[in-house]
């Protein structure tokens, strides 16, 4: 039975420890990364692992994440923001540094 909670694990975005698991595929995403993803994704906000939209957005809303229904800026402008603007990791684990963008 899926409960939406699992023992703590590493956030798949920043690797910080969190006890919040998504109900769709049980990945861990910390609150700060949920907030950043919701702000950056707008109406496209969905689970970063399985792309589930409904259960993941409900999970985020239950945790107080503000979701925006507008079209993200990068869709309108054709340019994506670099990851250094949205990364919440206290220690960068990228060998290229926080400004590296694939």
N, C-alpha and C. Protein backbone atom coordinates (compact mmCIF):
# COMPACT_ATOMS: atom_id res chain seq x y z
N UNK A 1 0.85 -1.18 0.00
CA UNK A 1 0.00 0.00 0.00
C UNK A 1 0.89 1.24 0.00
N UNK A 2 0.59 2.19 -0.88
CA UNK A 2 1.36 3.43 -0.96
C UNK A 2 0.80 4.42 0.05
N UNK A 3 1.67 4.91 0.92
CA UNK A 3 1.23 5.85 1.95
C UNK A 3 1.72 7.26 1.69
N UNK A 4 2.70 7.45 0.79
CA UNK A 4 3.24 8.77 0.55
C UNK A 4 4.35 9.13 1.51
N UNK A 5 4.69 8.23 2.44
CA UNK A 5 5.78 8.47 3.38
C UNK A 5 6.66 7.24 3.44
N UNK A 6 7.94 7.49 3.47
CA UNK A 6 8.91 6.42 3.63
C UNK A 6 9.93 6.91 4.65
N UNK A 7 10.74 6.01 5.18
CA UNK A 7 11.82 6.48 6.04
C UNK A 7 12.68 7.46 5.27
N UNK A 8 13.40 8.30 5.96
CA UNK A 8 14.21 9.34 5.33
C UNK A 8 15.09 8.83 4.21
N UNK A 9 15.36 9.72 3.30
CA UNK A 9 16.22 9.41 2.16
C UNK A 9 16.80 10.69 1.62
N UNK A 10 17.64 10.56 0.62
CA UNK A 10 18.28 11.72 0.02
C UNK A 10 17.39 12.32 -1.06
N UNK A 11 17.26 13.63 -1.05
CA UNK A 11 16.53 14.35 -2.09
C UNK A 11 17.20 14.05 -3.43
N UNK A 12 16.42 13.70 -4.44
CA UNK A 12 17.01 13.37 -5.74
C UNK A 12 17.56 14.59 -6.46
N UNK A 13 17.24 15.79 -5.99
CA UNK A 13 17.73 17.01 -6.62
C UNK A 13 19.02 17.49 -5.98
N UNK A 14 19.02 17.65 -4.64
CA UNK A 14 20.18 18.26 -3.97
C UNK A 14 20.90 17.32 -3.01
N UNK A 15 20.38 16.13 -2.80
CA UNK A 15 20.97 15.09 -1.95
C UNK A 15 20.87 15.39 -0.45
N UNK A 16 20.13 16.42 -0.03
CA UNK A 16 19.93 16.64 1.40
C UNK A 16 18.95 15.59 1.93
N UNK A 17 19.02 15.30 3.21
CA UNK A 17 18.15 14.29 3.81
C UNK A 17 16.74 14.84 4.02
N UNK A 18 15.75 14.04 3.69
CA UNK A 18 14.35 14.42 3.87
C UNK A 18 13.54 13.17 4.14
N UNK A 19 12.44 13.34 4.86
CA UNK A 19 11.57 12.19 5.13
C UNK A 19 10.31 12.23 4.28
N UNK A 20 10.26 13.14 3.31
CA UNK A 20 9.09 13.26 2.46
C UNK A 20 9.29 12.51 1.15
N UNK A 21 8.47 11.50 0.93
CA UNK A 21 8.53 10.71 -0.30
C UNK A 21 7.28 11.00 -1.13
N UNK A 22 7.45 11.07 -2.43
CA UNK A 22 6.30 11.33 -3.29
C UNK A 22 5.39 10.10 -3.33
N UNK A 23 4.10 10.31 -3.46
CA UNK A 23 3.17 9.17 -3.49
C UNK A 23 3.20 8.41 -4.82
N UNK A 24 3.68 9.04 -5.86
CA UNK A 24 3.63 8.41 -7.18
C UNK A 24 4.71 7.34 -7.36
N UNK A 25 5.96 7.67 -7.08
CA UNK A 25 7.03 6.70 -7.30
C UNK A 25 7.98 6.57 -6.12
N UNK A 26 7.62 7.21 -4.99
CA UNK A 26 8.35 7.10 -3.73
C UNK A 26 9.74 7.74 -3.73
N UNK A 27 10.02 8.63 -4.67
CA UNK A 27 11.30 9.35 -4.63
C UNK A 27 11.25 10.40 -3.54
N UNK A 28 12.39 10.82 -3.05
CA UNK A 28 12.46 11.85 -2.02
C UNK A 28 12.84 13.18 -2.66
N UNK A 29 12.08 14.22 -2.35
CA UNK A 29 12.38 15.58 -2.79
C UNK A 29 12.15 16.49 -1.59
N UNK A 30 13.18 17.27 -1.22
CA UNK A 30 13.05 18.13 -0.04
C UNK A 30 12.13 19.32 -0.34
N UNK A 31 11.68 19.97 0.71
CA UNK A 31 10.74 21.08 0.55
C UNK A 31 11.32 22.22 -0.28
N UNK A 32 12.58 22.55 -0.05
CA UNK A 32 13.21 23.65 -0.81
C UNK A 32 13.25 23.34 -2.31
N UNK A 33 13.54 22.10 -2.66
CA UNK A 33 13.58 21.72 -4.08
C UNK A 33 12.18 21.66 -4.67
N UNK A 34 11.18 21.25 -3.86
CA UNK A 34 9.79 21.28 -4.33
C UNK A 34 9.39 22.72 -4.66
N UNK A 35 9.71 23.65 -3.75
CA UNK A 35 9.38 25.07 -3.97
C UNK A 35 10.05 25.60 -5.23
N UNK A 36 11.35 25.32 -5.38
CA UNK A 36 12.09 25.82 -6.54
C UNK A 36 11.55 25.24 -7.84
N UNK A 37 11.24 23.94 -7.84
CA UNK A 37 10.71 23.31 -9.04
C UNK A 37 9.33 23.86 -9.40
N UNK A 38 8.50 24.06 -8.39
CA UNK A 38 7.16 24.61 -8.65
C UNK A 38 7.25 26.02 -9.22
N UNK A 39 8.15 26.83 -8.66
CA UNK A 39 8.30 28.21 -9.14
C UNK A 39 8.85 28.24 -10.56
N UNK A 40 9.77 27.34 -10.87
CA UNK A 40 10.38 27.32 -12.20
C UNK A 40 9.49 26.68 -13.25
N UNK A 41 8.66 25.71 -12.84
CA UNK A 41 7.89 24.92 -13.80
C UNK A 41 6.51 25.45 -14.10
N UNK A 42 5.95 26.23 -13.20
CA UNK A 42 4.60 26.74 -13.42
C UNK A 42 3.61 25.62 -13.66
N UNK A 43 2.83 25.74 -14.71
CA UNK A 43 1.79 24.76 -15.01
C UNK A 43 2.35 23.40 -15.42
N UNK A 44 3.66 23.31 -15.67
CA UNK A 44 4.28 22.06 -16.07
C UNK A 44 4.83 21.27 -14.89
N UNK A 45 4.61 21.75 -13.66
CA UNK A 45 5.14 21.12 -12.45
C UNK A 45 4.65 19.69 -12.33
N UNK A 46 5.59 18.74 -12.26
CA UNK A 46 5.29 17.32 -12.15
C UNK A 46 6.46 16.62 -11.47
N UNK A 47 6.30 15.36 -11.14
CA UNK A 47 7.35 14.59 -10.50
C UNK A 47 8.58 14.55 -11.41
N UNK A 48 9.76 14.86 -10.87
CA UNK A 48 10.96 14.85 -11.70
C UNK A 48 11.40 13.44 -12.12
N UNK A 49 10.90 12.42 -11.46
CA UNK A 49 11.32 11.06 -11.79
C UNK A 49 10.34 10.37 -12.75
N UNK A 50 9.05 10.37 -12.41
CA UNK A 50 8.09 9.62 -13.23
C UNK A 50 7.15 10.52 -14.04
N UNK A 51 7.24 11.83 -13.84
CA UNK A 51 6.44 12.85 -14.54
C UNK A 51 4.96 12.81 -14.18
N UNK A 52 4.60 12.09 -13.10
CA UNK A 52 3.22 12.11 -12.63
C UNK A 52 2.86 13.54 -12.25
N UNK A 53 1.70 13.97 -12.63
CA UNK A 53 1.30 15.35 -12.35
C UNK A 53 0.32 15.43 -11.18
N UNK A 54 -0.73 14.67 -11.21
CA UNK A 54 -1.82 14.81 -10.24
C UNK A 54 -1.40 14.46 -8.81
N UNK A 55 -0.93 13.25 -8.59
CA UNK A 55 -0.55 12.84 -7.23
C UNK A 55 0.61 13.67 -6.71
N UNK A 56 1.57 14.00 -7.58
CA UNK A 56 2.74 14.76 -7.14
C UNK A 56 2.35 16.19 -6.75
N UNK A 57 1.49 16.82 -7.55
CA UNK A 57 1.05 18.19 -7.22
C UNK A 57 0.22 18.20 -5.93
N UNK A 58 -0.59 17.17 -5.72
CA UNK A 58 -1.36 17.08 -4.48
C UNK A 58 -0.41 16.93 -3.29
N UNK A 59 0.60 16.09 -3.44
CA UNK A 59 1.62 15.89 -2.41
C UNK A 59 2.32 17.22 -2.08
N UNK A 60 2.70 17.97 -3.10
CA UNK A 60 3.37 19.25 -2.89
C UNK A 60 2.43 20.25 -2.20
N UNK A 61 1.18 20.30 -2.62
CA UNK A 61 0.21 21.23 -2.02
C UNK A 61 -0.02 20.91 -0.54
N UNK A 62 -0.06 19.63 -0.20
CA UNK A 62 -0.23 19.23 1.20
C UNK A 62 0.95 19.66 2.06
N UNK A 63 2.08 19.89 1.44
CA UNK A 63 3.27 20.35 2.15
C UNK A 63 3.45 21.86 2.07
N UNK A 64 2.43 22.56 1.59
CA UNK A 64 2.46 24.01 1.58
C UNK A 64 3.22 24.64 0.43
N UNK A 65 3.48 23.88 -0.61
CA UNK A 65 4.19 24.42 -1.77
C UNK A 65 3.22 25.24 -2.61
N UNK A 66 3.61 26.47 -2.93
CA UNK A 66 2.80 27.32 -3.79
C UNK A 66 3.03 26.92 -5.24
N UNK A 67 1.96 26.65 -5.93
CA UNK A 67 2.07 26.27 -7.34
C UNK A 67 1.48 27.36 -8.21
N UNK A 68 2.10 27.55 -9.34
CA UNK A 68 1.70 28.60 -10.26
C UNK A 68 1.17 27.94 -11.53
N UNK A 69 0.09 28.46 -12.03
CA UNK A 69 -0.52 27.85 -13.21
C UNK A 69 -0.10 28.50 -14.52
N UNK A 70 0.73 29.52 -14.43
CA UNK A 70 1.18 30.20 -15.65
C UNK A 70 2.18 29.38 -16.44
N UNK A 71 2.40 29.81 -17.66
CA UNK A 71 3.40 29.17 -18.52
C UNK A 71 4.77 29.63 -18.04
N UNK A 72 5.71 28.71 -17.85
CA UNK A 72 7.04 29.09 -17.37
C UNK A 72 7.74 30.05 -18.34
N UNK A 73 8.57 30.94 -17.79
CA UNK A 73 9.29 31.91 -18.62
C UNK A 73 10.11 31.24 -19.71
N UNK A 74 10.74 30.11 -19.41
CA UNK A 74 11.60 29.48 -20.40
C UNK A 74 10.84 28.96 -21.61
N UNK A 75 9.54 28.71 -21.44
CA UNK A 75 8.74 28.27 -22.59
C UNK A 75 8.47 29.47 -23.51
N UNK A 76 8.17 30.60 -22.90
CA UNK A 76 7.88 31.80 -23.69
C UNK A 76 9.13 32.39 -24.33
N UNK A 77 10.27 32.38 -23.61
CA UNK A 77 11.49 33.01 -24.12
C UNK A 77 12.38 32.05 -24.88
N UNK A 78 12.22 30.74 -24.65
CA UNK A 78 13.06 29.75 -25.31
C UNK A 78 14.40 29.57 -24.63
N UNK A 79 14.59 30.17 -23.46
CA UNK A 79 15.85 30.02 -22.74
C UNK A 79 15.57 29.48 -21.34
N UNK A 80 16.40 28.57 -20.91
CA UNK A 80 16.25 27.98 -19.58
C UNK A 80 17.22 28.65 -18.62
N UNK A 81 16.78 28.80 -17.39
CA UNK A 81 17.67 29.35 -16.36
C UNK A 81 18.71 28.30 -15.99
N UNK A 82 19.88 28.73 -15.56
CA UNK A 82 20.91 27.78 -15.15
C UNK A 82 20.58 27.24 -13.77
N UNK A 83 21.13 26.09 -13.47
CA UNK A 83 20.79 25.41 -12.23
C UNK A 83 21.28 26.15 -10.99
N UNK A 84 22.22 27.07 -11.09
CA UNK A 84 22.70 27.76 -9.90
C UNK A 84 21.63 28.66 -9.30
N UNK A 85 20.64 29.07 -10.05
CA UNK A 85 19.57 29.91 -9.52
C UNK A 85 18.59 29.12 -8.65
N UNK A 86 18.47 27.83 -8.87
CA UNK A 86 17.45 27.05 -8.19
C UNK A 86 18.01 25.98 -7.26
N UNK A 87 19.30 25.75 -7.30
CA UNK A 87 19.89 24.70 -6.46
C UNK A 87 19.91 25.16 -5.01
N UNK A 88 19.47 24.29 -4.11
CA UNK A 88 19.44 24.63 -2.69
C UNK A 88 20.45 23.84 -1.88
N UNK A 89 21.33 23.11 -2.55
CA UNK A 89 22.33 22.30 -1.83
C UNK A 89 23.29 23.21 -1.08
N UNK A 90 23.62 22.83 0.15
CA UNK A 90 24.56 23.62 0.93
C UNK A 90 25.99 23.37 0.48
N UNK A 91 26.24 22.22 -0.11
CA UNK A 91 27.57 21.89 -0.63
C UNK A 91 27.41 21.34 -2.04
N UNK A 92 28.05 21.99 -3.01
CA UNK A 92 27.93 21.56 -4.41
C UNK A 92 28.70 20.26 -4.63
N UNK A 93 28.03 19.27 -5.20
CA UNK A 93 28.67 17.99 -5.48
C UNK A 93 29.06 17.84 -6.95
N UNK A 94 28.77 18.83 -7.74
CA UNK A 94 29.12 18.78 -9.16
C UNK A 94 30.63 19.02 -9.33
N UNK A 95 31.31 18.18 -10.11
CA UNK A 95 32.74 18.42 -10.32
C UNK A 95 33.00 19.70 -11.12
N UNK A 96 31.96 20.24 -11.76
CA UNK A 96 32.10 21.45 -12.56
C UNK A 96 31.67 22.70 -11.81
N UNK A 97 31.14 22.57 -10.59
CA UNK A 97 30.71 23.70 -9.80
C UNK A 97 29.23 24.00 -9.98
N UNK A 98 28.67 24.89 -9.14
CA UNK A 98 27.23 25.15 -9.15
C UNK A 98 26.73 25.86 -10.40
N UNK A 99 27.60 26.51 -11.14
CA UNK A 99 27.15 27.24 -12.34
C UNK A 99 27.10 26.35 -13.58
N UNK A 100 27.55 25.10 -13.47
CA UNK A 100 27.57 24.20 -14.61
C UNK A 100 26.15 23.84 -15.01
N UNK A 101 25.85 23.93 -16.27
CA UNK A 101 24.54 23.61 -16.79
C UNK A 101 24.70 22.70 -17.98
N UNK A 102 24.10 21.54 -17.93
CA UNK A 102 24.24 20.60 -19.03
C UNK A 102 23.46 21.13 -20.17
